[in-house]
Amino acid sequence: MRHSRTTPVLAGLAATALLLSGCAAAGGGAAGEDTAQGTLRVVASTNVYGDVARSIGGDRVEVTSIIDRMAQDPHSYEASARDKLAVSKADLVLENGGGYDTFMHTLADDTGVDHNNIITAVDLSPLPGAQDGAHTAASTDTDDGGAGQDAGHDGHSHGQDDHAGHDHGGFNEHVWYDLATMAQVADAIAGKLSALDPDQADTYKANAEQFHAGLDKLGAEADEVAGSADGAAVAATDPVPLHLFDALGLENKTPEDFMEAAEEGNDAAPQALKAAEDLVTGGSVRFLAYNEQTEGPQTQRLRLLAEKAGIAVVNFTETLPEGQDYLGWMSGNLHAVEKALRG
């Protein structure tokens, strides 16, 4: 399993018990009470999903994102008493799934959150292999998931047929880099919020339409980049942006063992490291995709070698940088790739 790079200390069990007294039995919040006060409580594993929830719910939702800083690692995050309290009061819980943020489903189970009110992105993803990669205690309820899509847009594809899907030792769980998956997530959020707050269903549907319009714009930007990419070969320090690269028709040449080691916070074997270094020094790739959130001595060295060789370095992150929203963030990623390809 992945090793911690920056892991908050788990608060004492006694503190957890005190914080949760009187609220755990609520089984995931009192939706009626929250709606009467004008807000629903949404808790997301990362600020990526928190931002999408805010886009759909607007001022009708109070969003808490447990992972909201680049220094935090969702793979190995240890939940605090504050996190457990937030989830215990949630009307809706959002997680990535696929083994990425297992702490979230554990929190939901421990606090009795209704599984019908948990949205798991991997379970909704149309990417090949997503269902095999689903790593959750329970998937979103089929009927409610369908309602979420009814509130959205069956006609939108957002490029979901364009993904070959890389198999880096299993399904690549970083599905928020896939626009078609995020379309499904937005629809599911709209459906769940509408079920919890039916008087505002039209608002949630309209907001989902607006989010889809933003995804359509991103899809058009991606098509432009793909048209000029011409199947270019690239390297990456870990698999975070690879679904986006699939959509752009880019070919990742990085040794799988190197990326896996970097993602887990480990050193790659000498053979894998040498292959990665030869890749960026040999001039066969157009740019190096670099995840600062998983950097270590080996990835830092790879970046240095790329820069010395005149290979562009494009930074990618797992969570939203401060002050950005999902749509703007993805647009910035596309522009950065386009700039690197232009050389």
Foldseek 3Di string as FASTA:
>chain_A
DFDFDAEDDADDPVLLCVLCPPQLVVQFADLVVLVVVQAAEEEEQFVQLQLLLCLLCPSRYDYHHPHYDLQGAQLDYDDYSVSLSSRSRHPAYEYAFLSRRQNRLVSSVVSRHDLLRYAHLLCQAPAPQSVVSGDHPDHHDPVLLVQLCVLEDPPDQLQSVQFPADQLVGHDSLCLLRLNSVLSSLSSSLSSVCVSNVVCSVSSSVSSHVVVVLSVVLSVLLVVQLVLCVQFEEEEQACNNVRSCSSSNHHYPQPSQRRVQLSSLHHGDPVSLVVLLCCLQVPRGLAYEYEPSSDDPSSVVSVVSNVVSVHHYQYDYSHDDPPDHSSVNSVVSSVSSSVSSVD
